[in-house]
Amino acid sequence: MLLYSIANLTLRNTNILIYMEASDQELFESIQQDRQDALKQLMERYWRPLFLMIDAALHDPSSSEDIVQEVFINIWNKRKTIQIKHSVKVYLFACGRYQLFREIQKRKIPHVAIESCEQYLVDPYDPSQVLQQQEMLQALETLVNQLPGRCREVYRLKREENLSQKEIAELLQISRKSVENQLTIALKKIRTGLARYIFFL
């Protein structure tokens, strides 16, 4: 278990009712102004959904609770530097998935019911990494658009439509070997083009 607990935060109860009616963005802005009671309200909204998502993959309630706690502790500790441009909810779940992926790596779990994990290698608490990921995704899209027609089509069906090689072969009326070859070509070109980045999709 973690040696510290969010339960130890000193809360100002006088503003709890106000924060119950606040939007997620308003809560986060209050957190950035050092309001621990706003953090408490955000936790009450999202602790259980985050826990259920993480425990569905780990099947370890104790560790799942620790991971959720780590998410909110990191948000509090890094509240002055975190940048959320869109949805606070989406950001929280991205943080939860990132922490979950780190736990999966540590345990070396071979098969886990979770979405493709490459994107979670980006630390959502680090604005520089988030920016790098955005730049990489733009570069990736450019590289995919530059692939030869059939190669691009096969890649998109595999990566974006999540079709199997067999399904792609049947859809395009080509052999599975041809699908495999086109994917190999696409991935080689993409990895070469993204060599300056740490992460790959």
N, C-alpha and C. Protein backbone atom coordinates (compact mmCIF):
# COMPACT_ATOMS: atom_id res chain seq x y z
N MET A 1 0.84 -1.20 0.00
CA MET A 1 0.00 0.00 0.00
C MET A 1 0.88 1.25 0.00
N LEU A 2 0.34 2.33 -0.51
CA LEU A 2 1.09 3.58 -0.50
C LEU A 2 1.27 4.06 0.92
N LEU A 3 2.38 4.75 1.16
CA LEU A 3 2.70 5.21 2.50
C LEU A 3 1.96 6.49 2.86
N TYR A 4 1.35 7.11 1.85
CA TYR A 4 0.60 8.33 2.12
C TYR A 4 -0.81 8.15 1.61
N SER A 5 -1.70 8.98 2.08
CA SER A 5 -3.10 8.83 1.70
C SER A 5 -3.74 10.18 1.48
N ILE A 6 -4.55 10.26 0.44
CA ILE A 6 -5.27 11.50 0.19
C ILE A 6 -6.22 11.80 1.33
N ALA A 7 -6.59 10.78 2.06
CA ALA A 7 -7.50 10.99 3.19
C ALA A 7 -6.89 11.92 4.22
N ASN A 8 -5.57 12.10 4.18
CA ASN A 8 -4.90 12.95 5.15
C ASN A 8 -4.96 14.43 4.78
N LEU A 9 -5.49 14.73 3.59
CA LEU A 9 -5.61 16.12 3.19
C LEU A 9 -6.56 16.86 4.14
N THR A 10 -6.22 18.08 4.50
CA THR A 10 -7.08 18.90 5.34
C THR A 10 -8.09 19.60 4.46
N LEU A 11 -9.37 19.29 4.64
CA LEU A 11 -10.41 19.82 3.77
C LEU A 11 -11.15 20.97 4.43
N ARG A 12 -11.58 21.91 3.61
CA ARG A 12 -12.39 23.02 4.09
C ARG A 12 -13.84 22.70 3.79
N ASN A 13 -14.58 22.27 4.78
CA ASN A 13 -15.95 21.80 4.56
C ASN A 13 -16.90 22.91 4.15
N THR A 14 -16.54 24.15 4.40
CA THR A 14 -17.46 25.25 4.13
C THR A 14 -17.78 25.40 2.65
N ASN A 15 -16.90 24.89 1.77
CA ASN A 15 -17.11 25.07 0.34
C ASN A 15 -17.56 23.81 -0.37
N ILE A 16 -17.83 22.73 0.38
CA ILE A 16 -18.20 21.47 -0.25
C ILE A 16 -19.46 21.61 -1.09
N LEU A 17 -20.48 22.30 -0.55
CA LEU A 17 -21.73 22.45 -1.28
C LEU A 17 -21.53 23.24 -2.56
N ILE A 18 -20.67 24.26 -2.50
CA ILE A 18 -20.38 25.05 -3.70
C ILE A 18 -19.74 24.18 -4.77
N TYR A 19 -18.77 23.36 -4.37
CA TYR A 19 -18.05 22.54 -5.33
C TYR A 19 -18.91 21.41 -5.88
N MET A 20 -19.92 20.99 -5.15
CA MET A 20 -20.81 19.94 -5.66
C MET A 20 -21.52 20.39 -6.93
N GLU A 21 -21.73 21.68 -7.07
CA GLU A 21 -22.43 22.21 -8.24
C GLU A 21 -21.46 22.73 -9.31
N ALA A 22 -20.17 22.69 -9.02
CA ALA A 22 -19.18 23.21 -9.96
C ALA A 22 -18.94 22.21 -11.09
N SER A 23 -18.54 22.73 -12.25
CA SER A 23 -18.16 21.86 -13.37
C SER A 23 -16.79 21.26 -13.09
N ASP A 24 -16.44 20.23 -13.86
CA ASP A 24 -15.12 19.63 -13.70
C ASP A 24 -14.01 20.65 -13.92
N GLN A 25 -14.18 21.49 -14.94
CA GLN A 25 -13.16 22.49 -15.25
C GLN A 25 -13.03 23.50 -14.11
N GLU A 26 -14.15 23.89 -13.53
CA GLU A 26 -14.11 24.82 -12.40
C GLU A 26 -13.42 24.19 -11.20
N LEU A 27 -13.67 22.91 -10.99
CA LEU A 27 -12.99 22.21 -9.90
C LEU A 27 -11.48 22.19 -10.13
N PHE A 28 -11.09 21.89 -11.36
CA PHE A 28 -9.66 21.82 -11.64
C PHE A 28 -9.00 23.19 -11.47
N GLU A 29 -9.67 24.24 -11.89
CA GLU A 29 -9.12 25.58 -11.72
C GLU A 29 -8.97 25.92 -10.24
N SER A 30 -9.91 25.45 -9.42
CA SER A 30 -9.81 25.67 -7.97
C SER A 30 -8.66 24.86 -7.38
N ILE A 31 -8.46 23.66 -7.90
CA ILE A 31 -7.33 22.83 -7.45
C ILE A 31 -6.01 23.56 -7.73
N GLN A 32 -5.93 24.19 -8.89
CA GLN A 32 -4.71 24.93 -9.23
C GLN A 32 -4.51 26.14 -8.33
N GLN A 33 -5.58 26.55 -7.66
CA GLN A 33 -5.50 27.65 -6.69
C GLN A 33 -5.34 27.11 -5.27
N ASP A 34 -4.90 25.85 -5.18
CA ASP A 34 -4.55 25.20 -3.91
C ASP A 34 -5.76 24.87 -3.04
N ARG A 35 -6.93 24.66 -3.66
CA ARG A 35 -8.12 24.33 -2.89
C ARG A 35 -8.26 22.81 -2.78
N GLN A 36 -7.92 22.28 -1.63
CA GLN A 36 -7.98 20.84 -1.41
C GLN A 36 -9.41 20.31 -1.42
N ASP A 37 -10.36 21.15 -1.02
CA ASP A 37 -11.75 20.70 -1.02
C ASP A 37 -12.25 20.48 -2.45
N ALA A 38 -11.70 21.20 -3.41
CA ALA A 38 -12.06 20.97 -4.82
C ALA A 38 -11.52 19.62 -5.28
N LEU A 39 -10.32 19.28 -4.83
CA LEU A 39 -9.76 17.97 -5.14
C LEU A 39 -10.63 16.87 -4.55
N LYS A 40 -11.09 17.08 -3.33
CA LYS A 40 -11.96 16.10 -2.67
C LYS A 40 -13.21 15.86 -3.50
N GLN A 41 -13.81 16.93 -4.02
CA GLN A 41 -15.03 16.78 -4.81
C GLN A 41 -14.75 16.06 -6.13
N LEU A 42 -13.61 16.37 -6.75
CA LEU A 42 -13.25 15.70 -8.00
C LEU A 42 -13.04 14.20 -7.75
N MET A 43 -12.43 13.89 -6.62
CA MET A 43 -12.23 12.48 -6.25
C MET A 43 -13.57 11.78 -6.07
N GLU A 44 -14.51 12.43 -5.43
CA GLU A 44 -15.82 11.81 -5.19
C GLU A 44 -16.54 11.52 -6.50
N ARG A 45 -16.29 12.34 -7.51
CA ARG A 45 -16.94 12.13 -8.80
C ARG A 45 -16.32 10.97 -9.58
N TYR A 46 -15.00 10.84 -9.50
CA TYR A 46 -14.32 9.94 -10.43
C TYR A 46 -13.55 8.79 -9.80
N TRP A 47 -13.51 8.71 -8.48
CA TRP A 47 -12.76 7.62 -7.86
C TRP A 47 -13.30 6.26 -8.29
N ARG A 48 -14.60 6.05 -8.15
CA ARG A 48 -15.16 4.73 -8.46
C ARG A 48 -15.04 4.38 -9.95
N PRO A 49 -15.40 5.28 -10.88
CA PRO A 49 -15.23 4.92 -12.30
C PRO A 49 -13.79 4.57 -12.66
N LEU A 50 -12.82 5.31 -12.11
CA LEU A 50 -11.42 5.01 -12.37
C LEU A 50 -11.04 3.65 -11.78
N PHE A 51 -11.50 3.41 -10.57
CA PHE A 51 -11.20 2.13 -9.92
C PHE A 51 -11.76 0.96 -10.73
N LEU A 52 -13.00 1.07 -11.19
CA LEU A 52 -13.62 -0.01 -11.94
C LEU A 52 -12.87 -0.28 -13.24
N MET A 53 -12.44 0.78 -13.92
CA MET A 53 -11.69 0.61 -15.17
C MET A 53 -10.37 -0.12 -14.91
N ILE A 54 -9.65 0.30 -13.89
CA ILE A 54 -8.33 -0.28 -13.61
C ILE A 54 -8.44 -1.70 -13.08
N ASP A 55 -9.39 -1.92 -12.18
CA ASP A 55 -9.52 -3.26 -11.59
C ASP A 55 -10.03 -4.28 -12.60
N ALA A 56 -10.74 -3.81 -13.62
CA ALA A 56 -11.20 -4.72 -14.67
C ALA A 56 -10.02 -5.35 -15.40
N ALA A 57 -8.89 -4.64 -15.42
CA ALA A 57 -7.69 -5.16 -16.06
C ALA A 57 -6.80 -5.92 -15.10
N LEU A 58 -6.66 -5.41 -13.87
CA LEU A 58 -5.73 -6.02 -12.92
C LEU A 58 -6.34 -7.14 -12.07
N HIS A 59 -7.63 -7.03 -11.79
CA HIS A 59 -8.28 -7.98 -10.87
C HIS A 59 -7.55 -8.02 -9.53
N ASP A 60 -7.19 -6.85 -9.07
CA ASP A 60 -6.45 -6.71 -7.81
C ASP A 60 -6.93 -5.43 -7.14
N PRO A 61 -8.01 -5.50 -6.33
CA PRO A 61 -8.61 -4.30 -5.76
C PRO A 61 -7.64 -3.42 -4.98
N SER A 62 -6.76 -4.03 -4.21
CA SER A 62 -5.82 -3.24 -3.41
C SER A 62 -4.89 -2.41 -4.29
N SER A 63 -4.30 -3.06 -5.30
CA SER A 63 -3.40 -2.34 -6.21
C SER A 63 -4.17 -1.32 -7.04
N SER A 64 -5.40 -1.65 -7.41
CA SER A 64 -6.21 -0.72 -8.20
C SER A 64 -6.51 0.54 -7.40
N GLU A 65 -6.80 0.38 -6.12
CA GLU A 65 -7.02 1.55 -5.26
C GLU A 65 -5.76 2.40 -5.17
N ASP A 66 -4.61 1.75 -5.05
CA ASP A 66 -3.34 2.48 -4.98
C ASP A 66 -3.11 3.30 -6.25
N ILE A 67 -3.45 2.71 -7.40
CA ILE A 67 -3.24 3.40 -8.67
C ILE A 67 -4.15 4.62 -8.77
N VAL A 68 -5.41 4.47 -8.38
CA VAL A 68 -6.33 5.61 -8.41
C VAL A 68 -5.83 6.71 -7.47
N GLN A 69 -5.39 6.30 -6.31
CA GLN A 69 -4.86 7.27 -5.35
C GLN A 69 -3.66 8.01 -5.93
N GLU A 70 -2.81 7.26 -6.63
CA GLU A 70 -1.62 7.85 -7.26
C GLU A 70 -2.02 8.90 -8.29
N VAL A 71 -3.09 8.64 -9.03
CA VAL A 71 -3.57 9.60 -10.02
C VAL A 71 -3.89 10.94 -9.37
N PHE A 72 -4.66 10.90 -8.29
CA PHE A 72 -5.09 12.15 -7.65
C PHE A 72 -3.94 12.82 -6.89
N ILE A 73 -3.04 12.03 -6.33
CA ILE A 73 -1.88 12.62 -5.66
C ILE A 73 -1.00 13.34 -6.67
N ASN A 74 -0.81 12.74 -7.84
CA ASN A 74 0.00 13.38 -8.88
C ASN A 74 -0.66 14.67 -9.37
N ILE A 75 -1.97 14.64 -9.50
CA ILE A 75 -2.68 15.85 -9.93
C ILE A 75 -2.48 16.97 -8.90
N TRP A 76 -2.57 16.61 -7.63
CA TRP A 76 -2.38 17.64 -6.59
C TRP A 76 -0.94 18.15 -6.59
N ASN A 77 0.01 17.24 -6.65
CA ASN A 77 1.42 17.64 -6.57
C ASN A 77 1.87 18.44 -7.79
N LYS A 78 1.25 18.19 -8.94
CA LYS A 78 1.66 18.85 -10.18
C LYS A 78 0.60 19.82 -10.70
N ARG A 79 -0.27 20.26 -9.81
CA ARG A 79 -1.41 21.09 -10.20
C ARG A 79 -1.02 22.39 -10.88
N LYS A 80 0.17 22.91 -10.57
CA LYS A 80 0.58 24.20 -11.13
C LYS A 80 1.08 24.08 -12.57
N THR A 81 1.46 22.89 -12.97
CA THR A 81 2.04 22.72 -14.31
C THR A 81 1.14 21.94 -15.27
N ILE A 82 0.15 21.24 -14.75
CA ILE A 82 -0.75 20.46 -15.61
C ILE A 82 -1.57 21.40 -16.49
N GLN A 83 -1.70 21.03 -17.75
CA GLN A 83 -2.50 21.81 -18.70
C GLN A 83 -3.60 20.92 -19.26
N ILE A 84 -4.85 21.29 -19.01
CA ILE A 84 -5.99 20.54 -19.54
C ILE A 84 -6.76 21.47 -20.46
N LYS A 85 -6.69 21.19 -21.75
CA LYS A 85 -7.31 22.08 -22.73
C LYS A 85 -8.74 21.69 -23.05
N HIS A 86 -9.10 20.44 -22.77
CA HIS A 86 -10.43 19.97 -23.15
C HIS A 86 -11.15 19.40 -21.94
N SER A 87 -11.35 18.10 -21.90
CA SER A 87 -12.15 17.47 -20.85
C SER A 87 -11.30 17.01 -19.67
N VAL A 88 -11.69 17.42 -18.47
CA VAL A 88 -11.02 16.94 -17.26
C VAL A 88 -11.24 15.44 -17.10
N LYS A 89 -12.44 14.99 -17.42
CA LYS A 89 -12.76 13.56 -17.31
C LYS A 89 -11.85 12.73 -18.21
N VAL A 90 -11.70 13.15 -19.46
CA VAL A 90 -10.83 12.43 -20.39
C VAL A 90 -9.39 12.42 -19.87
N TYR A 91 -8.96 13.55 -19.33
CA TYR A 91 -7.60 13.64 -18.79
C TYR A 91 -7.41 12.67 -17.63
N LEU A 92 -8.38 12.61 -16.72
CA LEU A 92 -8.28 11.71 -15.57
C LEU A 92 -8.16 10.25 -16.02
N PHE A 93 -8.97 9.87 -17.00
CA PHE A 93 -8.92 8.49 -17.47
C PHE A 93 -7.62 8.20 -18.22
N ALA A 94 -7.08 9.21 -18.90
CA ALA A 94 -5.77 9.03 -19.55
C ALA A 94 -4.69 8.80 -18.49
N CYS A 95 -4.77 9.55 -17.39
CA CYS A 95 -3.81 9.36 -16.29
C CYS A 95 -3.96 7.97 -15.69
N GLY A 96 -5.21 7.53 -15.51
CA GLY A 96 -5.45 6.21 -14.95
C GLY A 96 -4.90 5.12 -15.84
N ARG A 97 -5.10 5.25 -17.14
CA ARG A 97 -4.59 4.24 -18.08
C ARG A 97 -3.07 4.23 -18.10
N TYR A 98 -2.48 5.42 -18.02
CA TYR A 98 -1.02 5.51 -18.00
C TYR A 98 -0.45 4.79 -16.78
N GLN A 99 -1.04 5.05 -15.61
CA GLN A 99 -0.57 4.38 -14.39
C GLN A 99 -0.82 2.88 -14.47
N LEU A 100 -1.94 2.49 -15.07
CA LEU A 100 -2.25 1.08 -15.24
C LEU A 100 -1.22 0.40 -16.13
N PHE A 101 -0.87 1.06 -17.23
CA PHE A 101 0.11 0.48 -18.14
C PHE A 101 1.46 0.29 -17.46
N ARG A 102 1.85 1.25 -16.64
CA ARG A 102 3.11 1.12 -15.89
C ARG A 102 3.06 -0.10 -14.97
N GLU A 103 1.90 -0.32 -14.35
CA GLU A 103 1.76 -1.48 -13.46
C GLU A 103 1.82 -2.78 -14.27
N ILE A 104 1.20 -2.78 -15.44
CA ILE A 104 1.23 -3.95 -16.31
C ILE A 104 2.66 -4.27 -16.72
N GLN A 105 3.42 -3.23 -17.07
CA GLN A 105 4.82 -3.43 -17.44
C GLN A 105 5.61 -4.00 -16.27
N LYS A 106 5.39 -3.46 -15.08
CA LYS A 106 6.13 -3.90 -13.90
C LYS A 106 5.85 -5.36 -13.59
N ARG A 107 4.60 -5.76 -13.76
CA ARG A 107 4.22 -7.14 -13.45
C ARG A 107 4.51 -8.11 -14.60
N LYS A 108 4.78 -7.53 -15.78
CA LYS A 108 5.04 -8.35 -16.98
C LYS A 108 3.85 -9.26 -17.27
N ILE A 109 2.65 -8.67 -17.20
CA ILE A 109 1.44 -9.43 -17.49
C ILE A 109 1.34 -9.62 -19.00
N PRO A 110 1.25 -10.86 -19.49
CA PRO A 110 1.26 -11.10 -20.93
C PRO A 110 -0.02 -10.72 -21.64
N HIS A 111 -1.17 -10.92 -21.00
CA HIS A 111 -2.44 -10.65 -21.67
C HIS A 111 -3.35 -9.89 -20.71
N VAL A 112 -3.71 -8.69 -21.09
CA VAL A 112 -4.57 -7.86 -20.25
C VAL A 112 -5.67 -7.27 -21.10
N ALA A 113 -6.90 -7.26 -20.58
CA ALA A 113 -8.04 -6.72 -21.33
C ALA A 113 -8.00 -5.20 -21.26
N ILE A 114 -7.20 -4.61 -22.12
CA ILE A 114 -7.08 -3.15 -22.18
C ILE A 114 -6.87 -2.76 -23.62
N GLU A 115 -7.24 -1.55 -23.98
CA GLU A 115 -7.06 -1.07 -25.33
C GLU A 115 -5.57 -1.06 -25.67
N SER A 116 -5.25 -0.88 -26.94
CA SER A 116 -3.85 -0.80 -27.37
C SER A 116 -3.10 0.17 -26.47
N CYS A 117 -1.97 -0.26 -25.91
CA CYS A 117 -1.33 0.48 -24.83
C CYS A 117 -0.26 1.47 -25.28
N GLU A 118 0.10 1.50 -26.55
CA GLU A 118 1.21 2.35 -26.94
C GLU A 118 1.00 3.81 -26.54
N GLN A 119 -0.23 4.30 -26.71
CA GLN A 119 -0.49 5.71 -26.44
C GLN A 119 -0.30 6.06 -24.98
N TYR A 120 -0.39 5.06 -24.07
CA TYR A 120 -0.29 5.35 -22.65
C TYR A 120 1.15 5.48 -22.18
N LEU A 121 2.10 5.27 -23.10
CA LEU A 121 3.49 5.48 -22.74
C LEU A 121 3.80 6.95 -22.55
N VAL A 122 2.93 7.82 -23.02
CA VAL A 122 3.11 9.25 -22.82
C VAL A 122 2.61 9.62 -21.44
N ASP A 123 3.46 10.30 -20.68
CA ASP A 123 3.08 10.71 -19.33
C ASP A 123 2.15 11.91 -19.43
N PRO A 124 0.85 11.77 -19.07
CA PRO A 124 -0.10 12.88 -19.21
C PRO A 124 0.17 14.01 -18.24
N TYR A 125 1.03 13.79 -17.23
CA TYR A 125 1.35 14.84 -16.28
C TYR A 125 2.46 15.76 -16.81
N ASP A 126 3.09 15.35 -17.90
CA ASP A 126 4.24 16.08 -18.44
C ASP A 126 3.83 16.79 -19.73
N PRO A 127 3.63 18.12 -19.70
CA PRO A 127 3.19 18.85 -20.90
C PRO A 127 4.11 18.66 -22.09
N SER A 128 5.42 18.52 -21.85
CA SER A 128 6.36 18.37 -22.95
C SER A 128 6.14 17.04 -23.67
N GLN A 129 5.82 15.97 -22.91
CA GLN A 129 5.56 14.68 -23.54
C GLN A 129 4.24 14.70 -24.29
N VAL A 130 3.24 15.39 -23.74
CA VAL A 130 1.96 15.50 -24.43
C VAL A 130 2.14 16.22 -25.76
N LEU A 131 2.93 17.29 -25.75
CA LEU A 131 3.20 18.03 -26.98
C LEU A 131 3.94 17.16 -27.98
N GLN A 132 4.91 16.39 -27.49
CA GLN A 132 5.66 15.50 -28.38
C GLN A 132 4.75 14.46 -29.01
N GLN A 133 3.80 13.94 -28.23
CA GLN A 133 2.87 12.97 -28.78
C GLN A 133 2.01 13.60 -29.87
N GLN A 134 1.55 14.83 -29.65
CA GLN A 134 0.73 15.50 -30.65
C GLN A 134 1.52 15.70 -31.94
N GLU A 135 2.79 16.08 -31.81
CA GLU A 135 3.64 16.26 -32.99
C GLU A 135 3.84 14.93 -33.70
N MET A 136 4.03 13.86 -32.91
CA MET A 136 4.25 12.55 -33.50
C MET A 136 3.02 12.07 -34.27
N LEU A 137 1.83 12.31 -33.71
CA LEU A 137 0.61 11.88 -34.38
C LEU A 137 0.41 12.62 -35.69
N GLN A 138 0.79 13.89 -35.72
CA GLN A 138 0.71 14.66 -36.97
C GLN A 138 1.70 14.10 -37.99
N ALA A 139 2.91 13.78 -37.52
CA ALA A 139 3.91 13.20 -38.42
C ALA A 139 3.46 11.84 -38.92
N LEU A 140 2.83 11.06 -38.04
CA LEU A 140 2.33 9.74 -38.42
C LEU A 140 1.29 9.85 -39.53
N GLU A 141 0.36 10.78 -39.38
CA GLU A 141 -0.69 10.95 -40.38
C GLU A 141 -0.09 11.34 -41.73
N THR A 142 0.92 12.20 -41.70
CA THR A 142 1.60 12.60 -42.94
C THR A 142 2.26 11.40 -43.60
N LEU A 143 2.94 10.58 -42.80
CA LEU A 143 3.62 9.40 -43.34
C LEU A 143 2.63 8.40 -43.92
N VAL A 144 1.51 8.20 -43.24
CA VAL A 144 0.50 7.26 -43.74
C VAL A 144 -0.06 7.75 -45.07
N ASN A 145 -0.30 9.05 -45.18
CA ASN A 145 -0.83 9.60 -46.43
C ASN A 145 0.17 9.48 -47.58
N GLN A 146 1.45 9.36 -47.26
CA GLN A 146 2.48 9.25 -48.28
C GLN A 146 2.73 7.81 -48.73
N LEU A 147 2.12 6.85 -48.05
CA LEU A 147 2.29 5.45 -48.44
C LEU A 147 1.64 5.19 -49.80
N PRO A 148 2.16 4.22 -50.57
CA PRO A 148 1.51 3.84 -51.82
C PRO A 148 0.06 3.42 -51.56
N GLY A 149 -0.79 3.58 -52.55
CA GLY A 149 -2.22 3.38 -52.39
C GLY A 149 -2.64 2.11 -51.67
N ARG A 150 -2.22 0.95 -52.19
CA ARG A 150 -2.61 -0.32 -51.59
C ARG A 150 -2.02 -0.47 -50.19
N CYS A 151 -0.79 -0.05 -50.05
CA CYS A 151 -0.11 -0.13 -48.76
C CYS A 151 -0.85 0.71 -47.71
N ARG A 152 -1.24 1.90 -48.09
CA ARG A 152 -1.97 2.80 -47.19
C ARG A 152 -3.33 2.20 -46.82
N GLU A 153 -3.99 1.61 -47.80
CA GLU A 153 -5.30 1.02 -47.58
C GLU A 153 -5.23 -0.13 -46.58
N VAL A 154 -4.24 -0.99 -46.76
CA VAL A 154 -4.07 -2.13 -45.86
C VAL A 154 -3.74 -1.65 -44.45
N TYR A 155 -2.86 -0.67 -44.35
CA TYR A 155 -2.46 -0.15 -43.04
C TYR A 155 -3.66 0.42 -42.30
N ARG A 156 -4.47 1.23 -42.98
CA ARG A 156 -5.61 1.86 -42.32
C ARG A 156 -6.65 0.81 -41.89
N LEU A 157 -6.86 -0.19 -42.71
CA LEU A 157 -7.81 -1.23 -42.35
C LEU A 157 -7.35 -2.00 -41.11
N LYS A 158 -6.05 -2.18 -41.00
CA LYS A 158 -5.49 -2.91 -39.86
C LYS A 158 -5.48 -2.05 -38.61
N ARG A 159 -4.93 -0.85 -38.71
CA ARG A 159 -4.71 -0.02 -37.53
C ARG A 159 -5.92 0.80 -37.12
N GLU A 160 -6.71 1.24 -38.08
CA GLU A 160 -7.84 2.11 -37.77
C GLU A 160 -9.16 1.36 -37.68
N GLU A 161 -9.32 0.34 -38.53
CA GLU A 161 -10.56 -0.44 -38.51
C GLU A 161 -10.42 -1.72 -37.68
N ASN A 162 -9.18 -2.02 -37.28
CA ASN A 162 -8.88 -3.18 -36.43
C ASN A 162 -9.32 -4.50 -37.07
N LEU A 163 -9.17 -4.60 -38.40
CA LEU A 163 -9.50 -5.84 -39.09
C LEU A 163 -8.31 -6.81 -39.01
N SER A 164 -8.61 -8.08 -39.04
CA SER A 164 -7.55 -9.09 -39.07
C SER A 164 -6.97 -9.16 -40.48
N GLN A 165 -5.80 -9.81 -40.60
CA GLN A 165 -5.20 -9.96 -41.92
C GLN A 165 -6.12 -10.77 -42.84
N LYS A 166 -6.78 -11.76 -42.29
CA LYS A 166 -7.71 -12.57 -43.08
C LYS A 166 -8.87 -11.72 -43.59
N GLU A 167 -9.42 -10.87 -42.72
CA GLU A 167 -10.54 -10.02 -43.11
C GLU A 167 -10.12 -9.01 -44.18
N ILE A 168 -8.91 -8.47 -44.04
CA ILE A 168 -8.42 -7.51 -45.03
C ILE A 168 -8.24 -8.20 -46.38
N ALA A 169 -7.68 -9.40 -46.35
CA ALA A 169 -7.46 -10.15 -47.59
C ALA A 169 -8.78 -10.42 -48.31
N GLU A 170 -9.79 -10.80 -47.55
CA GLU A 170 -11.10 -11.08 -48.15
C GLU A 170 -11.75 -9.81 -48.68
N LEU A 171 -11.61 -8.72 -47.93
CA LEU A 171 -12.22 -7.46 -48.34
C LEU A 171 -11.60 -6.92 -49.62
N LEU A 172 -10.27 -7.00 -49.70
CA LEU A 172 -9.55 -6.45 -50.86
C LEU A 172 -9.32 -7.48 -51.96
N GLN A 173 -9.71 -8.73 -51.67
CA GLN A 173 -9.55 -9.82 -52.63
C GLN A 173 -8.08 -9.99 -53.04
N ILE A 174 -7.24 -10.04 -52.02
CA ILE A 174 -5.82 -10.32 -52.22
C ILE A 174 -5.42 -11.41 -51.23
N SER A 175 -4.23 -11.96 -51.39
CA SER A 175 -3.79 -13.04 -50.52
C SER A 175 -3.38 -12.49 -49.15
N ARG A 176 -3.42 -13.36 -48.13
CA ARG A 176 -2.98 -12.95 -46.79
C ARG A 176 -1.50 -12.61 -46.81
N LYS A 177 -0.73 -13.29 -47.65
CA LYS A 177 0.70 -13.00 -47.76
C LYS A 177 0.91 -11.58 -48.27
N SER A 178 0.07 -11.18 -49.22
CA SER A 178 0.16 -9.82 -49.75
C SER A 178 -0.17 -8.79 -48.67
N VAL A 179 -1.17 -9.11 -47.87
CA VAL A 179 -1.54 -8.22 -46.75
C VAL A 179 -0.36 -8.09 -45.79
N GLU A 180 0.24 -9.22 -45.46
CA GLU A 180 1.39 -9.22 -44.54
C GLU A 180 2.54 -8.40 -45.11
N ASN A 181 2.81 -8.56 -46.40
CA ASN A 181 3.90 -7.81 -47.03
C ASN A 181 3.63 -6.31 -47.02
N GLN A 182 2.39 -5.93 -47.31
CA GLN A 182 2.04 -4.51 -47.34
C GLN A 182 2.16 -3.89 -45.94
N LEU A 183 1.76 -4.63 -44.92
CA LEU A 183 1.88 -4.14 -43.55
C LEU A 183 3.35 -3.99 -43.16
N THR A 184 4.17 -4.93 -43.57
CA THR A 184 5.60 -4.86 -43.27
C THR A 184 6.22 -3.62 -43.90
N ILE A 185 5.86 -3.36 -45.15
CA ILE A 185 6.37 -2.17 -45.84
C ILE A 185 5.91 -0.90 -45.14
N ALA A 186 4.62 -0.86 -44.79
CA ALA A 186 4.07 0.33 -44.14
C ALA A 186 4.75 0.60 -42.80
N LEU A 187 4.89 -0.43 -41.98
CA LEU A 187 5.48 -0.25 -40.65
C LEU A 187 6.95 0.14 -40.74
N LYS A 188 7.66 -0.41 -41.72
CA LYS A 188 9.06 -0.05 -41.89
C LYS A 188 9.21 1.42 -42.25
N LYS A 189 8.37 1.89 -43.18
CA LYS A 189 8.43 3.30 -43.59
C LYS A 189 8.03 4.22 -42.43
N ILE A 190 7.01 3.81 -41.69
CA ILE A 190 6.54 4.65 -40.58
C ILE A 190 7.57 4.72 -39.47
N ARG A 191 8.16 3.58 -39.12
CA ARG A 191 9.16 3.56 -38.05
C ARG A 191 10.39 4.38 -38.44
N THR A 192 10.76 4.30 -39.70
CA THR A 192 11.89 5.11 -40.17
C THR A 192 11.56 6.59 -40.08
N GLY A 193 10.34 6.94 -40.47
CA GLY A 193 9.92 8.34 -40.45
C GLY A 193 9.75 8.89 -39.05
N LEU A 194 9.47 8.01 -38.08
CA LEU A 194 9.26 8.44 -36.70
C LEU A 194 10.46 8.15 -35.81
N ALA A 195 11.61 7.98 -36.42
CA ALA A 195 12.80 7.58 -35.66
C ALA A 195 13.18 8.59 -34.58
N ARG A 196 12.82 9.85 -34.76
CA ARG A 196 13.20 10.87 -33.77
C ARG A 196 12.31 10.84 -32.54
N TYR A 197 11.23 10.07 -32.61
CA TYR A 197 10.33 9.99 -31.47
C TYR A 197 10.60 8.72 -30.67
N ILE A 198 10.23 8.77 -29.42
CA ILE A 198 10.45 7.62 -28.53
C ILE A 198 9.38 6.58 -28.73
N PHE A 199 8.14 7.01 -29.04
CA PHE A 199 7.00 6.12 -29.03
C PHE A 199 6.56 5.78 -30.44
N PHE A 200 5.98 4.62 -30.62
CA PHE A 200 5.47 4.20 -31.92
C PHE A 200 4.05 3.72 -31.78
N LEU A 201 3.25 3.99 -32.84
CA LEU A 201 1.88 3.48 -32.88
C LEU A 201 1.85 2.27 -33.79
